[in-house]
C-alpha atoms as a PDB file:
ATOM      1  CA  MET A   1     184.909  12.094  22.894  1.00  0.00           C
ATOM      2  CA  LEU A   2     183.795  11.435  26.704  1.00  0.00           C
ATOM      3  CA  LEU A   3     181.288  13.656  28.552  1.00  0.00           C
ATOM      4  CA  LEU A   4     181.587  13.347  31.915  1.00  0.00           C
ATOM      5  CA  ASP A   5     179.244  14.514  34.917  1.00  0.00           C
ATOM      6  CA  CYS A   6     181.428  16.573  36.623  1.00  0.00           C
ATOM      7  CA  ASP A   7     182.157  20.379  37.004  1.00  0.00           C
ATOM      8  CA  GLU A   8     185.074  21.709  34.305  1.00  0.00           C
ATOM      9  CA  GLY A   9     188.161  22.859  35.933  1.00  0.00           C
ATOM     10  CA  ALA A  10     191.500  21.590  36.719  1.00  0.00           C
ATOM     11  CA  ASP A  11     191.110  21.562  40.368  1.00  0.00           C
ATOM     12  CA  LYS A  12     187.584  20.388  40.750  1.00  0.00           C
ATOM     13  CA  GLY A  13     187.878  16.696  40.637  1.00  0.00           C
ATOM     14  CA  LYS A  14     187.548  16.111  36.694  1.00  0.00           C
ATOM     15  CA  THR A  15     190.708  14.075  36.687  1.00  0.00           C
ATOM     16  CA  TYR A  16     189.396  11.962  39.316  1.00  0.00           C
ATOM     17  CA  THR A  17     186.001  11.318  37.537  1.00  0.00           C
ATOM     18  CA  TYR A  18     187.603  10.536  34.386  1.00  0.00           C
ATOM     19  CA  PHE A  19     190.144   7.751  35.809  1.00  0.00           C
ATOM     20  CA  ALA A  20     187.393   6.628  38.485  1.00  0.00           C
ATOM     21  CA  SER A  21     184.642   6.201  35.528  1.00  0.00           C
ATOM     22  CA  MET A  22     186.520   4.386  33.338  1.00  0.00           C
ATOM     23  CA  PRO A  23     186.148   0.696  34.553  1.00  0.00           C
ATOM     24  CA  ALA A  24     182.541   1.139  34.436  1.00  0.00           C
ATOM     25  CA  MET A  25     182.561   2.761  31.112  1.00  0.00           C
ATOM     26  CA  MET A  26     184.468  -0.190  29.740  1.00  0.00           C
ATOM     27  CA  THR A  27     182.113  -2.558  31.449  1.00  0.00           C
ATOM     28  CA  THR A  28     179.198  -0.820  29.926  1.00  0.00           C
ATOM     29  CA  LEU A  29     180.544  -0.623  26.415  1.00  0.00           C
ATOM     30  CA  THR A  30     181.370  -4.406  26.356  1.00  0.00           C
ATOM     31  CA  GLY A  31     178.251  -5.812  27.711  1.00  0.00           C
ATOM     32  CA  GLY A  32     179.441  -6.763  31.220  1.00  0.00           C
ATOM     33  CA  ALA A  33     182.598  -7.844  30.274  1.00  0.00           C
ATOM     34  CA  TYR A  34     185.953  -6.582  28.766  1.00  0.00           C
ATOM     35  CA  ALA A  35     186.157  -7.523  25.257  1.00  0.00           C
ATOM     36  CA  GLY A  36     188.629  -9.561  24.225  1.00  0.00           C
ATOM     37  CA  ASP A  37     192.471  -9.230  26.053  1.00  0.00           C
ATOM     38  CA  GLY A  38     194.531  -8.404  23.051  1.00  0.00           C
ATOM     39  CA  GLY A  39     197.354  -9.475  25.140  1.00  0.00           C
ATOM     40  CA  GLY A  40     196.492  -7.086  28.100  1.00  0.00           C
ATOM     41  CA  GLY A  41     195.325  -9.880  30.538  1.00  0.00           C
ATOM     42  CA  GLY A  42     191.866  -9.216  30.413  1.00  0.00           C
ATOM     43  CA  ARG A  43     192.235  -5.690  30.423  1.00  0.00           C
ATOM     44  CA  PRO A  44     190.427  -3.599  28.096  1.00  0.00           C
ATOM     45  CA  TYR A  45     193.498  -0.952  27.766  1.00  0.00           C
ATOM     46  CA  ASP A  46     197.152  -1.241  28.892  1.00  0.00           C
ATOM     47  CA  TYR A  47     197.068   2.314  30.072  1.00  0.00           C
ATOM     48  CA  VAL A  48     194.740   5.502  30.007  1.00  0.00           C
ATOM     49  CA  MET A  49     195.937   8.836  29.276  1.00  0.00           C
ATOM     50  CA  LYS A  50     194.939  12.263  30.960  1.00  0.00           C
ATOM     51  CA  VAL A  51     196.313  14.933  28.401  1.00  0.00           C
ATOM     52  CA  ASP A  52     195.280  18.432  27.969  1.00  0.00           C
ATOM     53  CA  ASP A  53     193.439  19.793  24.815  1.00  0.00           C
ATOM     54  CA  ASP A  54     196.494  21.951  24.013  1.00  0.00           C
ATOM     55  CA  THR A  55     198.884  19.179  24.017  1.00  0.00           C
ATOM     56  CA  PHE A  56     199.932  17.568  20.732  1.00  0.00           C
ATOM     57  CA  LEU A  57     201.033  14.179  21.196  1.00  0.00           C
ATOM     58  CA  LEU A  58     203.306  11.768  18.865  1.00  0.00           C
ATOM     59  CA  LEU A  59     201.644   8.649  19.604  1.00  0.00           C
ATOM     60  CA  GLY A  60     204.365   6.600  17.772  1.00  0.00           C
ATOM     61  CA  ALA A  61     207.130   7.977  19.845  1.00  0.00           C
ATOM     62  CA  LEU A  62     204.944   7.555  22.993  1.00  0.00           C
ATOM     63  CA  VAL A  63     204.192   3.743  22.065  1.00  0.00           C
ATOM     64  CA  GLU A  64     207.818   3.173  21.399  1.00  0.00           C
ATOM     65  CA  THR A  65     208.814   4.757  24.739  1.00  0.00           C
ATOM     66  CA  LEU A  66     206.177   2.481  26.888  1.00  0.00           C
ATOM     67  CA  ARG A  67     207.348  -0.665  24.987  1.00  0.00           C
ATOM     68  CA  ALA A  68     210.395  -0.621  27.126  1.00  0.00           C
ATOM     69  CA  ALA A  69     208.397   0.590  30.423  1.00  0.00           C
ATOM     70  CA  PRO A  70     206.891  -1.675  33.098  1.00  0.00           C
ATOM     71  CA  SER A  71     203.143  -1.701  32.597  1.00  0.00           C
ATOM     72  CA  GLU A  72     201.947  -2.271  35.892  1.00  0.00           C
ATOM     73  CA  ASP A  73     201.927  -0.022  38.820  1.00  0.00           C
ATOM     74  CA  ALA A  74     203.475   2.789  36.615  1.00  0.00           C
ATOM     75  CA  TYR A  75     202.847   6.369  36.349  1.00  0.00           C
ATOM     76  CA  CYS A  76     204.430   8.058  33.119  1.00  0.00           C
ATOM     77  CA  GLY A  77     204.815  12.081  32.369  1.00  0.00           C
ATOM     78  CA  VAL A  78     207.032  14.921  32.888  1.00  0.00           C
ATOM     79  CA  GLY A  79     207.872  15.163  36.528  1.00  0.00           C
ATOM     80  CA  LEU A  80     209.257  18.556  37.620  1.00  0.00           C
ATOM     81  CA  PRO A  81     213.473  18.548  36.810  1.00  0.00           C
ATOM     82  CA  VAL A  82     213.658  20.502  40.035  1.00  0.00           C
ATOM     83  CA  TYR A  83     212.336  17.568  42.155  1.00  0.00           C
ATOM     84  CA  ASN A  84     213.689  13.987  41.848  1.00  0.00           C
ATOM     85  CA  ARG A  85     214.219  13.075  38.376  1.00  0.00           C
ATOM     86  CA  ALA A  86     213.888   9.526  38.662  1.00  0.00           C
ATOM     87  CA  PHE A  87     210.929   9.432  41.342  1.00  0.00           C
ATOM     88  CA  PRO A  88     209.042  12.482  40.936  1.00  0.00           C
ATOM     89  CA  PRO A  89     206.169  13.290  43.174  1.00  0.00           C
ATOM     90  CA  PHE A  90     203.835  14.017  40.437  1.00  0.00           C
ATOM     91  CA  MET A  91     203.719  14.794  36.690  1.00  0.00           C
ATOM     92  CA  LEU A  92     202.674  17.569  35.052  1.00  0.00           C
ATOM     93  CA  GLY A  93     199.003  18.300  34.046  1.00  0.00           C
ATOM     94  CA  MET A  94     200.077  18.576  30.313  1.00  0.00           C
ATOM     95  CA  GLY A  95     199.562  14.940  30.245  1.00  0.00           C
ATOM     96  CA  TYR A  96     200.238  11.658  31.930  1.00  0.00           C
ATOM     97  CA  LEU A  97     199.453   8.114  32.176  1.00  0.00           C
ATOM     98  CA  LEU A  98     198.365   5.418  34.315  1.00  0.00           C
ATOM     99  CA  PRO A  99     198.122   1.479  33.599  1.00  0.00           C
ATOM    100  CA  TRP A 100     194.775  -0.142  33.816  1.00  0.00           C
ATOM    101  CA  ASP A 101     195.747  -1.450  37.530  1.00  0.00           C
ATOM    102  CA  LEU A 102     196.147   2.031  38.779  1.00  0.00           C
ATOM    103  CA  VAL A 103     192.958   3.044  36.841  1.00  0.00           C
ATOM    104  CA  GLU A 104     190.806   0.236  38.782  1.00  0.00           C
ATOM    105  CA  TRP A 105     192.518   1.258  42.024  1.00  0.00           C
ATOM    106  CA  ILE A 106     191.557   5.085  41.576  1.00  0.00           C
ATOM    107  CA  ALA A 107     187.870   3.790  40.979  1.00  0.00           C
ATOM    108  CA  THR A 108     187.588   1.637  44.150  1.00  0.00           C
ATOM    109  CA  SER A 109     189.726   3.612  46.390  1.00  0.00           C
ATOM    110  CA  ASP A 110     187.886   5.824  49.351  1.00  0.00           C
ATOM    111  CA  MET A 111     190.936   7.729  50.108  1.00  0.00           C
ATOM    112  CA  VAL A 112     191.198   8.968  46.416  1.00  0.00           C
ATOM    113  CA  LYS A 113     187.521   9.585  46.326  1.00  0.00           C
ATOM    114  CA  ARG A 114     187.629  11.657  49.792  1.00  0.00           C
ATOM    115  CA  GLU A 115     190.759  13.627  48.034  1.00  0.00           C
ATOM    116  CA  ALA A 116     189.369  14.181  44.703  1.00  0.00           C
ATOM    117  CA  ILE A 117     189.485  17.993  44.775  1.00  0.00           C
ATOM    118  CA  GLY A 118     192.487  19.800  44.018  1.00  0.00           C
ATOM    119  CA  PRO A 119     195.129  20.978  41.505  1.00  0.00           C
ATOM    120  CA  GLU A 120     194.781  17.921  39.425  1.00  0.00           C
ATOM    121  CA  ASP A 121     198.364  17.156  38.609  1.00  0.00           C
ATOM    122  CA  VAL A 122     199.501  17.313  42.188  1.00  0.00           C
ATOM    123  CA  THR A 123     196.405  15.640  43.402  1.00  0.00           C
ATOM    124  CA  THR A 124     196.802  12.806  41.232  1.00  0.00           C
ATOM    125  CA  GLY A 125     200.624  12.430  42.562  1.00  0.00           C
ATOM    126  CA  ASN A 126     199.551  12.395  46.131  1.00  0.00           C
ATOM    127  CA  TRP A 127     196.883   9.744  45.452  1.00  0.00           C
ATOM    128  CA  LEU A 128     199.687   7.585  44.365  1.00  0.00           C
ATOM    129  CA  ASN A 129     201.964   8.538  47.049  1.00  0.00           C
ATOM    130  CA  LYS A 130     199.640   8.237  49.751  1.00  0.00           C
ATOM    131  CA  GLY A 131     198.425   4.981  48.334  1.00  0.00           C
ATOM    132  CA  ASN A 132     201.929   3.400  48.104  1.00  0.00           C
ATOM    133  CA  LYS A 133     201.258   3.202  44.285  1.00  0.00           C
ATOM    134  CA  ALA A 134     203.071   3.874  41.012  1.00  0.00           C
ATOM    135  CA  LYS A 135     206.551   2.455  42.026  1.00  0.00           C
ATOM    136  CA  ASN A 136     207.783   2.430  38.391  1.00  0.00           C
ATOM    137  CA  ARG A 137     207.812   5.939  37.542  1.00  0.00           C
ATOM    138  CA  LEU A 138     208.596   6.878  33.899  1.00  0.00           C
ATOM    139  CA  ASN A 139     209.855  10.803  33.765  1.00  0.00           C
ATOM    140  CA  ILE A 140     209.901  11.512  29.859  1.00  0.00           C
ATOM    141  CA  PHE A 141     211.262  14.974  30.461  1.00  0.00           C
ATOM    142  CA  PRO A 142     212.454  16.572  28.339  1.00  0.00           C
ATOM    143  CA  ARG A 143     210.785  14.710  25.520  1.00  0.00           C
ATOM    144  CA  MET A 144     207.179  16.454  26.264  1.00  0.00           C
ATOM    145  CA  TYR A 145     207.549  20.199  26.600  1.00  0.00           C
ATOM    146  CA  ASP A 146     206.029  23.533  26.534  1.00  0.00           C
ATOM    147  CA  TYR A 147     205.823  25.223  23.007  1.00  0.00           C
ATOM    148  CA  LYS A 148     208.710  28.031  22.548  1.00  0.00           C
ATOM    149  CA  SER A 149     208.531  29.157  19.178  1.00  0.00           C
ATOM    150  CA  ALA A 150     208.206  28.171  15.348  1.00  0.00           C
ATOM    151  CA  LYS A 151     212.092  28.050  15.083  1.00  0.00           C
ATOM    152  CA  PRO A 152     213.136  24.248  14.030  1.00  0.00           C
ATOM    153  CA  GLY A 153     215.597  24.437  17.097  1.00  0.00           C
ATOM    154  CA  ASP A 154     212.863  24.627  19.552  1.00  0.00           C
ATOM    155  CA  PHE A 155     211.330  21.317  18.701  1.00  0.00           C
ATOM    156  CA  LEU A 156     213.431  18.403  19.976  1.00  0.00           C
ATOM    157  CA  GLU A 157     214.130  15.343  17.651  1.00  0.00           C
ATOM    158  CA  ASN A 158     212.776  12.694  20.179  1.00  0.00           C
ATOM    159  CA  THR A 159     209.522  14.421  20.691  1.00  0.00           C
ATOM    160  CA  ILE A 160     206.902  12.855  22.563  1.00  0.00           C
ATOM    161  CA  GLY A 161     204.773  16.041  23.171  1.00  0.00           C
ATOM    162  CA  VAL A 162     204.229  19.732  22.751  1.00  0.00           C
ATOM    163  CA  HIS A 163     202.463  21.680  25.217  1.00  0.00           C
ATOM    164  CA  GLN A 164     200.545  25.215  25.510  1.00  0.00           C
ATOM    165  CA  LEU A 165     199.315  25.016  21.983  1.00  0.00           C
ATOM    166  CA  LYS A 166     196.515  27.566  22.885  1.00  0.00           C
ATOM    167  CA  GLU A 167     196.403  29.511  19.518  1.00  0.00           C
ATOM    168  CA  ASP A 168     195.768  28.234  16.177  1.00  0.00           C
ATOM    169  CA  ILE A 169     199.177  29.493  14.981  1.00  0.00           C
ATOM    170  CA  ARG A 170     201.125  27.497  17.520  1.00  0.00           C
ATOM    171  CA  TRP A 171     199.157  24.204  16.245  1.00  0.00           C
ATOM    172  CA  ALA A 172     200.122  25.243  12.642  1.00  0.00           C
ATOM    173  CA  HIS A 173     203.979  25.800  13.535  1.00  0.00           C
ATOM    174  CA  THR A 174     203.947  22.595  15.245  1.00  0.00           C
ATOM    175  CA  LEU A 175     201.945  20.186  12.724  1.00  0.00           C
ATOM    176  CA  GLU A 176     204.094  21.875   9.867  1.00  0.00           C
ATOM    177  CA  HIS A 177     207.244  21.084  11.860  1.00  0.00           C
ATOM    178  CA  PHE A 178     206.386  17.547  12.447  1.00  0.00           C
ATOM    179  CA  ASN A 179     205.401  17.172   8.586  1.00  0.00           C
ATOM    180  CA  LEU A 180     201.897  16.295   9.744  1.00  0.00           C
ATOM    181  CA  THR A 181     200.035  19.220   7.245  1.00  0.00           C
ATOM    182  CA  ARG A 182     200.803  16.647   4.297  1.00  0.00           C
ATOM    183  CA  LEU A 183     198.892  13.907   4.143  1.00  0.00           C
ATOM    184  CA  ASP A 184     199.421  10.650   2.178  1.00  0.00           C
ATOM    185  CA  PRO A 185     197.365  10.495  -0.908  1.00  0.00           C
ATOM    186  CA  SER A 186     196.008   7.227   0.219  1.00  0.00           C
ATOM    187  CA  SER A 187     195.213   8.613   3.470  1.00  0.00           C
ATOM    188  CA  LYS A 188     191.367   8.156   4.378  1.00  0.00           C
ATOM    189  CA  LEU A 189     191.346  11.104   6.650  1.00  0.00           C
ATOM    190  CA  TYR A 190     190.427  13.424   3.491  1.00  0.00           C
ATOM    191  CA  ASN A 191     189.056  12.874   0.033  1.00  0.00           C
ATOM    192  CA  PHE A 192     189.428  15.398  -2.804  1.00  0.00           C
END
């Protein structure tokens, strides 16, 4: 869990604070240098993701999708299909991720700092567009989508994420559909 020193709200600069704080936080956590490179070229992480708390992610599906995608100067999320699907101007706020090079750029860009306030998903896209960044855009529509109902046909087979799980019953339907209510007996997530 991260506690950020900022106002809560999707249009009050929280997303800027989150991304811009990452490089300093990682330096602090590793004693002044990033711990190990783990194949990431000295970066602590390949990607940093902003995701709503009412979004369920299938991380395995996301990781597999990212394996085939460029890992620098990239922007991954759900672009509005009414715009350019191949190069959307911004990704919807349900969840999007940036590679470490763009996270470091956000932390040091005066333009981004000046334009931190606004609707977070559109604002993030504007930073990248004005900064001539994120040339590699990965639109994962329709694999990340809004919850429709508990009907099995409303969940896609190749799902990466389900959004708008604002009620417990929606979480229950989603977890049940993806068979995540039955933990393996060897799991350390519970102990009876």
